[in-house]
Structures are given as structure tokens and as C-alpha cells.
């Protein structure tokens, strides 16, 4: 089973939230993603939440390409 150190990937305000709350959170809940970044993601791709970002086809495509490269 995979695990993630939430302190490394989330802003402090979100580290103690449930997974469902985190997925419904704005992308700015991710460490290193500013409110402006979130606005730009929404303008460009309609991404409003962490779940939206995870489901974005371009993110999935990039992950698949990276996995293929790592498997070589």
C-alpha cells in the first residue's frame, strides 16, 4: 500500500484534514501551489480542487509517459 507524508505535500492548514476534505480543497492546499497558480489552473483547465487536478487528463498523460520512461 502506498503512503504519503502529508506534511511534505500539503500546506500546514490542510495537514490534519481528512482525505475527502483534501480532495475537495482548492489546489492551493498543495505545498508550493499559490492562490494565483490555482486561478491560472482554473482559467486554463477548469481545475478548482485537488481532485480536479488529479483527474486532469494532461496530468495522467504525463504520469503515464514518466512511468513508461522509468520502466525502460
PDB file of N, CA and C in Angstrom:
ATOM      1  N   UNK A   1       0.840  -1.180   0.000  1.00  0.00           N
ATOM      2  CA  UNK A   1       0.000   0.000   0.000  1.00  0.00           C
ATOM      3  C   UNK A   1       0.885   1.242   0.000  1.00  0.00           C
ATOM      4  N   UNK A   2       0.544   2.225  -0.796  1.00  0.00           N
ATOM      5  CA  UNK A   2       1.310   3.458  -0.887  1.00  0.00           C
ATOM      6  C   UNK A   2       0.993   4.371   0.287  1.00  0.00           C
ATOM      7  N   UNK A   3       1.986   5.156   0.662  1.00  0.00           N
ATOM      8  CA  UNK A   3       1.757   6.145   1.709  1.00  0.00           C
ATOM      9  C   UNK A   3       2.413   7.455   1.301  1.00  0.00           C
ATOM     10  N   UNK A   4       1.922   8.542   1.891  1.00  0.00           N
ATOM     11  CA  UNK A   4       2.422   9.873   1.583  1.00  0.00           C
ATOM     12  C   UNK A   4       2.578  10.627   2.892  1.00  0.00           C
ATOM     13  N   UNK A   5       3.699  11.318   3.045  1.00  0.00           N
ATOM     14  CA  UNK A   5       3.892  12.191   4.195  1.00  0.00           C
ATOM     15  C   UNK A   5       3.157  13.495   3.890  1.00  0.00           C
ATOM     16  N   UNK A   6       1.970  13.666   4.463  1.00  0.00           N
ATOM     17  CA  UNK A   6       1.124  14.813   4.138  1.00  0.00           C
ATOM     18  C   UNK A   6       1.790  16.139   4.465  1.00  0.00           C
ATOM     19  N   UNK A   7       2.673  16.169   5.451  1.00  0.00           N
ATOM     20  CA  UNK A   7       3.392  17.402   5.781  1.00  0.00           C
ATOM     21  C   UNK A   7       4.272  17.859   4.628  1.00  0.00           C
ATOM     22  N   UNK A   8       4.686  16.928   3.775  1.00  0.00           N
ATOM     23  CA  UNK A   8       5.549  17.273   2.644  1.00  0.00           C
ATOM     24  C   UNK A   8       4.768  17.739   1.425  1.00  0.00           C
ATOM     25  N   UNK A   9       3.491  17.408   1.348  1.00  0.00           N
ATOM     26  CA  UNK A   9       2.731  17.743   0.141  1.00  0.00           C
ATOM     27  C   UNK A   9       1.598  18.742   0.360  1.00  0.00           C
ATOM     28  N   UNK A  10       1.296  19.051   1.620  1.00  0.00           N
ATOM     29  CA  UNK A  10       0.185  19.957   1.906  1.00  0.00           C
ATOM     30  C   UNK A  10       0.648  21.159   2.711  1.00  0.00           C
ATOM     31  N   UNK A  11      -0.023  22.287   2.497  1.00  0.00           N
ATOM     32  CA  UNK A  11       0.182  23.422   3.378  1.00  0.00           C
ATOM     33  C   UNK A  11      -0.255  23.016   4.776  1.00  0.00           C
ATOM     34  N   UNK A  12       0.341  23.630   5.775  1.00  0.00           N
ATOM     35  CA  UNK A  12       0.088  23.252   7.166  1.00  0.00           C
ATOM     36  C   UNK A  12      -1.401  23.257   7.524  1.00  0.00           C
ATOM     37  N   UNK A  13      -2.155  24.178   6.988  1.00  0.00           N
ATOM     38  CA  UNK A  13      -3.580  24.290   7.312  1.00  0.00           C
ATOM     39  C   UNK A  13      -4.381  23.058   6.883  1.00  0.00           C
ATOM     40  N   UNK A  14      -3.842  22.272   5.975  1.00  0.00           N
ATOM     41  CA  UNK A  14      -4.573  21.129   5.433  1.00  0.00           C
ATOM     42  C   UNK A  14      -4.049  19.794   5.935  1.00  0.00           C
ATOM     43  N   UNK A  15      -2.929  19.774   6.626  1.00  0.00           N
ATOM     44  CA  UNK A  15      -2.268  18.524   7.013  1.00  0.00           C
ATOM     45  C   UNK A  15      -3.098  17.646   7.940  1.00  0.00           C
ATOM     46  N   UNK A  16      -4.002  18.235   8.699  1.00  0.00           N
ATOM     47  CA  UNK A  16      -4.806  17.438   9.635  1.00  0.00           C
ATOM     48  C   UNK A  16      -6.213  17.146   9.126  1.00  0.00           C
ATOM     49  N   UNK A  17      -6.471  17.472   7.883  1.00  0.00           N
ATOM     50  CA  UNK A  17      -7.810  17.257   7.302  1.00  0.00           C
ATOM     51  C   UNK A  17      -7.951  15.822   6.799  1.00  0.00           C
ATOM     52  N   UNK A  18      -9.186  15.414   6.617  1.00  0.00           N
ATOM     53  CA  UNK A  18      -9.458  14.080   6.072  1.00  0.00           C
ATOM     54  C   UNK A  18      -9.138  14.063   4.580  1.00  0.00           C
ATOM     55  N   UNK A  19      -8.968  12.873   4.051  1.00  0.00           N
ATOM     56  CA  UNK A  19      -8.673  12.740   2.627  1.00  0.00           C
ATOM     57  C   UNK A  19      -9.787  13.345   1.773  1.00  0.00           C
ATOM     58  N   UNK A  20     -11.024  13.154   2.165  1.00  0.00           N
ATOM     59  CA  UNK A  20     -12.130  13.725   1.380  1.00  0.00           C
ATOM     60  C   UNK A  20     -12.094  15.252   1.415  1.00  0.00           C
ATOM     61  N   UNK A  21     -11.713  15.832   2.554  1.00  0.00           N
ATOM     62  CA  UNK A  21     -11.586  17.288   2.639  1.00  0.00           C
ATOM     63  C   UNK A  21     -10.436  17.784   1.774  1.00  0.00           C
ATOM     64  N   UNK A  22      -9.340  17.049   1.771  1.00  0.00           N
ATOM     65  CA  UNK A  22      -8.182  17.439   0.968  1.00  0.00           C
ATOM     66  C   UNK A  22      -8.520  17.379  -0.519  1.00  0.00           C
ATOM     67  N   UNK A  23      -9.188  16.336  -0.944  1.00  0.00           N
ATOM     68  CA  UNK A  23      -9.546  16.216  -2.362  1.00  0.00           C
ATOM     69  C   UNK A  23     -10.515  17.309  -2.805  1.00  0.00           C
ATOM     70  N   UNK A  24     -11.343  17.795  -1.893  1.00  0.00           N
ATOM     71  CA  UNK A  24     -12.294  18.868  -2.203  1.00  0.00           C
ATOM     72  C   UNK A  24     -11.675  20.253  -2.038  1.00  0.00           C
ATOM     73  N   UNK A  25     -10.454  20.311  -1.516  1.00  0.00           N
ATOM     74  CA  UNK A  25      -9.784  21.583  -1.252  1.00  0.00           C
ATOM     75  C   UNK A  25      -9.319  22.236  -2.546  1.00  0.00           C
ATOM     76  N   UNK A  26      -9.161  23.550  -2.517  1.00  0.00           N
ATOM     77  CA  UNK A  26      -8.560  24.215  -3.682  1.00  0.00           C
ATOM     78  C   UNK A  26      -7.123  23.733  -3.868  1.00  0.00           C
ATOM     79  N   UNK A  27      -6.633  23.803  -5.104  1.00  0.00           N
ATOM     80  CA  UNK A  27      -5.293  23.296  -5.383  1.00  0.00           C
ATOM     81  C   UNK A  27      -4.222  24.025  -4.581  1.00  0.00           C
ATOM     82  N   UNK A  28      -4.526  25.202  -4.083  1.00  0.00           N
ATOM     83  CA  UNK A  28      -3.602  25.932  -3.227  1.00  0.00           C
ATOM     84  C   UNK A  28      -3.318  25.218  -1.923  1.00  0.00           C
ATOM     85  N   UNK A  29      -4.075  24.175  -1.611  1.00  0.00           N
ATOM     86  CA  UNK A  29      -3.805  23.369  -0.413  1.00  0.00           C
ATOM     87  C   UNK A  29      -2.526  22.555  -0.589  1.00  0.00           C
ATOM     88  N   UNK A  30      -2.098  22.369  -1.817  1.00  0.00           N
ATOM     89  CA  UNK A  30      -0.856  21.644  -2.086  1.00  0.00           C
ATOM     90  C   UNK A  30       0.334  22.563  -1.842  1.00  0.00           C
ATOM     91  N   UNK A  31       1.313  22.060  -1.150  1.00  0.00           N
ATOM     92  CA  UNK A  31       2.512  22.846  -0.841  1.00  0.00           C
ATOM     93  C   UNK A  31       3.159  23.298  -2.140  1.00  0.00           C
ATOM     94  N   UNK A  32       3.441  24.581  -2.218  1.00  0.00           N
ATOM     95  CA  UNK A  32       4.102  25.135  -3.395  1.00  0.00           C
ATOM     96  C   UNK A  32       3.163  25.644  -4.472  1.00  0.00           C
ATOM     97  N   UNK A  33       1.856  25.424  -4.314  1.00  0.00           N
ATOM     98  CA  UNK A  33       0.877  25.924  -5.283  1.00  0.00           C
ATOM     99  C   UNK A  33       0.233  27.166  -4.684  1.00  0.00           C
ATOM    100  N   UNK A  34       0.460  28.302  -5.320  1.00  0.00           N
ATOM    101  CA  UNK A  34      -0.070  29.565  -4.807  1.00  0.00           C
ATOM    102  C   UNK A  34      -1.532  29.747  -5.210  1.00  0.00           C
ATOM    103  N   UNK A  35      -2.165  30.715  -4.590  1.00  0.00           N
ATOM    104  CA  UNK A  35      -3.539  31.045  -4.983  1.00  0.00           C
ATOM    105  C   UNK A  35      -3.578  31.460  -6.446  1.00  0.00           C
ATOM    106  N   UNK A  36      -2.564  32.194  -6.888  1.00  0.00           N
ATOM    107  CA  UNK A  36      -2.501  32.614  -8.299  1.00  0.00           C
ATOM    108  C   UNK A  36      -2.344  31.404  -9.210  1.00  0.00           C
ATOM    109  N   UNK A  37      -1.524  30.451  -8.821  1.00  0.00           N
ATOM    110  CA  UNK A  37      -1.392  29.210  -9.597  1.00  0.00           C
ATOM    111  C   UNK A  37      -2.757  28.551  -9.738  1.00  0.00           C
ATOM    112  N   UNK A  38      -3.497  28.516  -8.633  1.00  0.00           N
ATOM    113  CA  UNK A  38      -4.835  27.933  -8.647  1.00  0.00           C
ATOM    114  C   UNK A  38      -5.766  28.652  -9.610  1.00  0.00           C
ATOM    115  N   UNK A  39      -5.681  29.980  -9.615  1.00  0.00           N
ATOM    116  CA  UNK A  39      -6.504  30.768 -10.541  1.00  0.00           C
ATOM    117  C   UNK A  39      -6.142  30.436 -11.982  1.00  0.00           C
ATOM    118  N   UNK A  40      -4.857  30.330 -12.252  1.00  0.00           N
ATOM    119  CA  UNK A  40      -4.415  30.024 -13.623  1.00  0.00           C
ATOM    120  C   UNK A  40      -4.836  28.616 -14.052  1.00  0.00           C
ATOM    121  N   UNK A  41      -4.755  27.651 -13.127  1.00  0.00           N
ATOM    122  CA  UNK A  41      -5.215  26.294 -13.447  1.00  0.00           C
ATOM    123  C   UNK A  41      -6.707  26.280 -13.741  1.00  0.00           C
ATOM    124  N   UNK A  42      -7.459  27.069 -12.990  1.00  0.00           N
ATOM    125  CA  UNK A  42      -8.902  27.128 -13.237  1.00  0.00           C
ATOM    126  C   UNK A  42      -9.187  27.777 -14.585  1.00  0.00           C
ATOM    127  N   UNK A  43      -8.497  28.869 -14.882  1.00  0.00           N
ATOM    128  CA  UNK A  43      -8.704  29.543 -16.170  1.00  0.00           C
ATOM    129  C   UNK A  43      -8.336  28.644 -17.346  1.00  0.00           C
ATOM    130  N   UNK A  44      -7.217  27.954 -17.233  1.00  0.00           N
ATOM    131  CA  UNK A  44      -6.713  27.154 -18.349  1.00  0.00           C
ATOM    132  C   UNK A  44      -7.435  25.827 -18.508  1.00  0.00           C
ATOM    133  N   UNK A  45      -7.730  25.158 -17.388  1.00  0.00           N
ATOM    134  CA  UNK A  45      -8.223  23.789 -17.464  1.00  0.00           C
ATOM    135  C   UNK A  45      -9.505  23.524 -16.689  1.00  0.00           C
ATOM    136  N   UNK A  46     -10.039  24.528 -16.012  1.00  0.00           N
ATOM    137  CA  UNK A  46     -11.241  24.321 -15.215  1.00  0.00           C
ATOM    138  C   UNK A  46     -10.977  23.594 -13.907  1.00  0.00           C
ATOM    139  N   UNK A  47      -9.722  23.541 -13.493  1.00  0.00           N
ATOM    140  CA  UNK A  47      -9.332  22.843 -12.269  1.00  0.00           C
ATOM    141  C   UNK A  47      -9.618  23.747 -11.072  1.00  0.00           C
ATOM    142  N   UNK A  48     -10.440  23.251 -10.145  1.00  0.00           N
ATOM    143  CA  UNK A  48     -10.758  24.016  -8.940  1.00  0.00           C
ATOM    144  C   UNK A  48     -10.259  23.325  -7.679  1.00  0.00           C
ATOM    145  N   UNK A  49     -10.193  22.004  -7.697  1.00  0.00           N
ATOM    146  CA  UNK A  49      -9.874  21.248  -6.492  1.00  0.00           C
ATOM    147  C   UNK A  49      -8.678  20.328  -6.723  1.00  0.00           C
ATOM    148  N   UNK A  50      -8.172  19.794  -5.624  1.00  0.00           N
ATOM    149  CA  UNK A  50      -7.091  18.810  -5.711  1.00  0.00           C
ATOM    150  C   UNK A  50      -7.556  17.608  -6.539  1.00  0.00           C
ATOM    151  N   UNK A  51      -8.795  17.185  -6.336  1.00  0.00           N
ATOM    152  CA  UNK A  51      -9.335  16.055  -7.105  1.00  0.00           C
ATOM    153  C   UNK A  51      -9.394  16.379  -8.591  1.00  0.00           C
ATOM    154  N   UNK A  52      -9.780  17.612  -8.931  1.00  0.00           N
ATOM    155  CA  UNK A  52      -9.814  18.022 -10.340  1.00  0.00           C
ATOM    156  C   UNK A  52      -8.418  17.923 -10.957  1.00  0.00           C
ATOM    157  N   UNK A  53      -7.421  18.371 -10.218  1.00  0.00           N
ATOM    158  CA  UNK A  53      -6.044  18.315 -10.721  1.00  0.00           C
ATOM    159  C   UNK A  53      -5.609  16.871 -10.946  1.00  0.00           C
ATOM    160  N   UNK A  54      -5.919  16.010  -9.991  1.00  0.00           N
ATOM    161  CA  UNK A  54      -5.548  14.597 -10.108  1.00  0.00           C
ATOM    162  C   UNK A  54      -6.230  13.938 -11.300  1.00  0.00           C
ATOM    163  N   UNK A  55      -7.404  14.407 -11.646  1.00  0.00           N
ATOM    164  CA  UNK A  55      -8.186  13.816 -12.734  1.00  0.00           C
ATOM    165  C   UNK A  55      -7.906  14.462 -14.085  1.00  0.00           C
ATOM    166  N   UNK A  56      -7.098  15.502 -14.106  1.00  0.00           N
ATOM    167  CA  UNK A  56      -6.813  16.217 -15.351  1.00  0.00           C
ATOM    168  C   UNK A  56      -6.082  15.288 -16.325  1.00  0.00           C
ATOM    169  N   UNK A  57      -6.624  15.154 -17.520  1.00  0.00           N
ATOM    170  CA  UNK A  57      -6.063  14.191 -18.466  1.00  0.00           C
ATOM    171  C   UNK A  57      -4.605  14.479 -18.779  1.00  0.00           C
ATOM    172  N   UNK A  58      -4.201  15.736 -18.800  1.00  0.00           N
ATOM    173  CA  UNK A  58      -2.810  16.059 -19.113  1.00  0.00           C
ATOM    174  C   UNK A  58      -1.871  15.586 -18.008  1.00  0.00           C
ATOM    175  N   UNK A  59      -2.326  15.655 -16.784  1.00  0.00           N
ATOM    176  CA  UNK A  59      -1.539  15.135 -15.659  1.00  0.00           C
ATOM    177  C   UNK A  59      -1.411  13.623 -15.792  1.00  0.00           C
ATOM    178  N   UNK A  60      -2.510  12.960 -16.106  1.00  0.00           N
ATOM    179  CA  UNK A  60      -2.481  11.500 -16.269  1.00  0.00           C
ATOM    180  C   UNK A  60      -1.575  11.090 -17.422  1.00  0.00           C
ATOM    181  N   UNK A  61      -1.640  11.822 -18.522  1.00  0.00           N
ATOM    182  CA  UNK A  61      -0.783  11.510 -19.663  1.00  0.00           C
ATOM    183  C   UNK A  61       0.685  11.662 -19.283  1.00  0.00           C
ATOM    184  N   UNK A  62       1.019  12.756 -18.597  1.00  0.00           N
ATOM    185  CA  UNK A  62       2.403  12.992 -18.196  1.00  0.00           C
ATOM    186  C   UNK A  62       2.888  11.907 -17.239  1.00  0.00           C
ATOM    187  N   UNK A  63       2.023  11.485 -16.317  1.00  0.00           N
ATOM    188  CA  UNK A  63       2.391  10.413 -15.390  1.00  0.00           C
ATOM    189  C   UNK A  63       2.624   9.111 -16.137  1.00  0.00           C
ATOM    190  N   UNK A  64       1.792   8.817 -17.119  1.00  0.00           N
ATOM    191  CA  UNK A  64       1.949   7.588 -17.900  1.00  0.00           C
ATOM    192  C   UNK A  64       3.264   7.608 -18.687  1.00  0.00           C
ATOM    193  N   UNK A  65       3.593   8.745 -19.272  1.00  0.00           N
ATOM    194  CA  UNK A  65       4.849   8.863 -20.012  1.00  0.00           C
ATOM    195  C   UNK A  65       6.046   8.687 -19.088  1.00  0.00           C
ATOM    196  N   UNK A  66       5.979   9.286 -17.907  1.00  0.00           N
ATOM    197  CA  UNK A  66       7.066   9.165 -16.949  1.00  0.00           C
ATOM    198  C   UNK A  66       7.216   7.715 -16.473  1.00  0.00           C
ATOM    199  N   UNK A  67       6.097   7.022 -16.280  1.00  0.00           N
ATOM    200  CA  UNK A  67       6.142   5.626 -15.864  1.00  0.00           C
ATOM    201  C   UNK A  67       6.753   4.751 -16.960  1.00  0.00           C
ATOM    202  N   UNK A  68       6.405   5.036 -18.212  1.00  0.00           N
ATOM    203  CA  UNK A  68       6.994   4.295 -19.327  1.00  0.00           C
ATOM    204  C   UNK A  68       8.502   4.510 -19.388  1.00  0.00           C
ATOM    205  N   UNK A  69       8.925   5.740 -19.199  1.00  0.00           N
ATOM    206  CA  UNK A  69      10.355   6.036 -19.232  1.00  0.00           C
ATOM    207  C   UNK A  69      11.088   5.336 -18.084  1.00  0.00           C
ATOM    208  N   UNK A  70      10.476   5.284 -16.924  1.00  0.00           N
ATOM    209  CA  UNK A  70      11.096   4.659 -15.760  1.00  0.00           C
ATOM    210  C   UNK A  70      11.181   3.142 -15.929  1.00  0.00           C
ATOM    211  N   UNK A  71      10.273   2.574 -16.713  1.00  0.00           N
ATOM    212  CA  UNK A  71      10.240   1.117 -16.897  1.00  0.00           C
ATOM    213  C   UNK A  71      11.288   0.639 -17.892  1.00  0.00           C
ATOM    214  N   UNK A  72      11.902   1.534 -18.609  1.00  0.00           N
ATOM    215  CA  UNK A  72      12.916   1.162 -19.617  1.00  0.00           C
ATOM    216  C   UNK A  72      14.159   0.634 -18.971  1.00  0.00           C
TER     217      UNK A  72
END
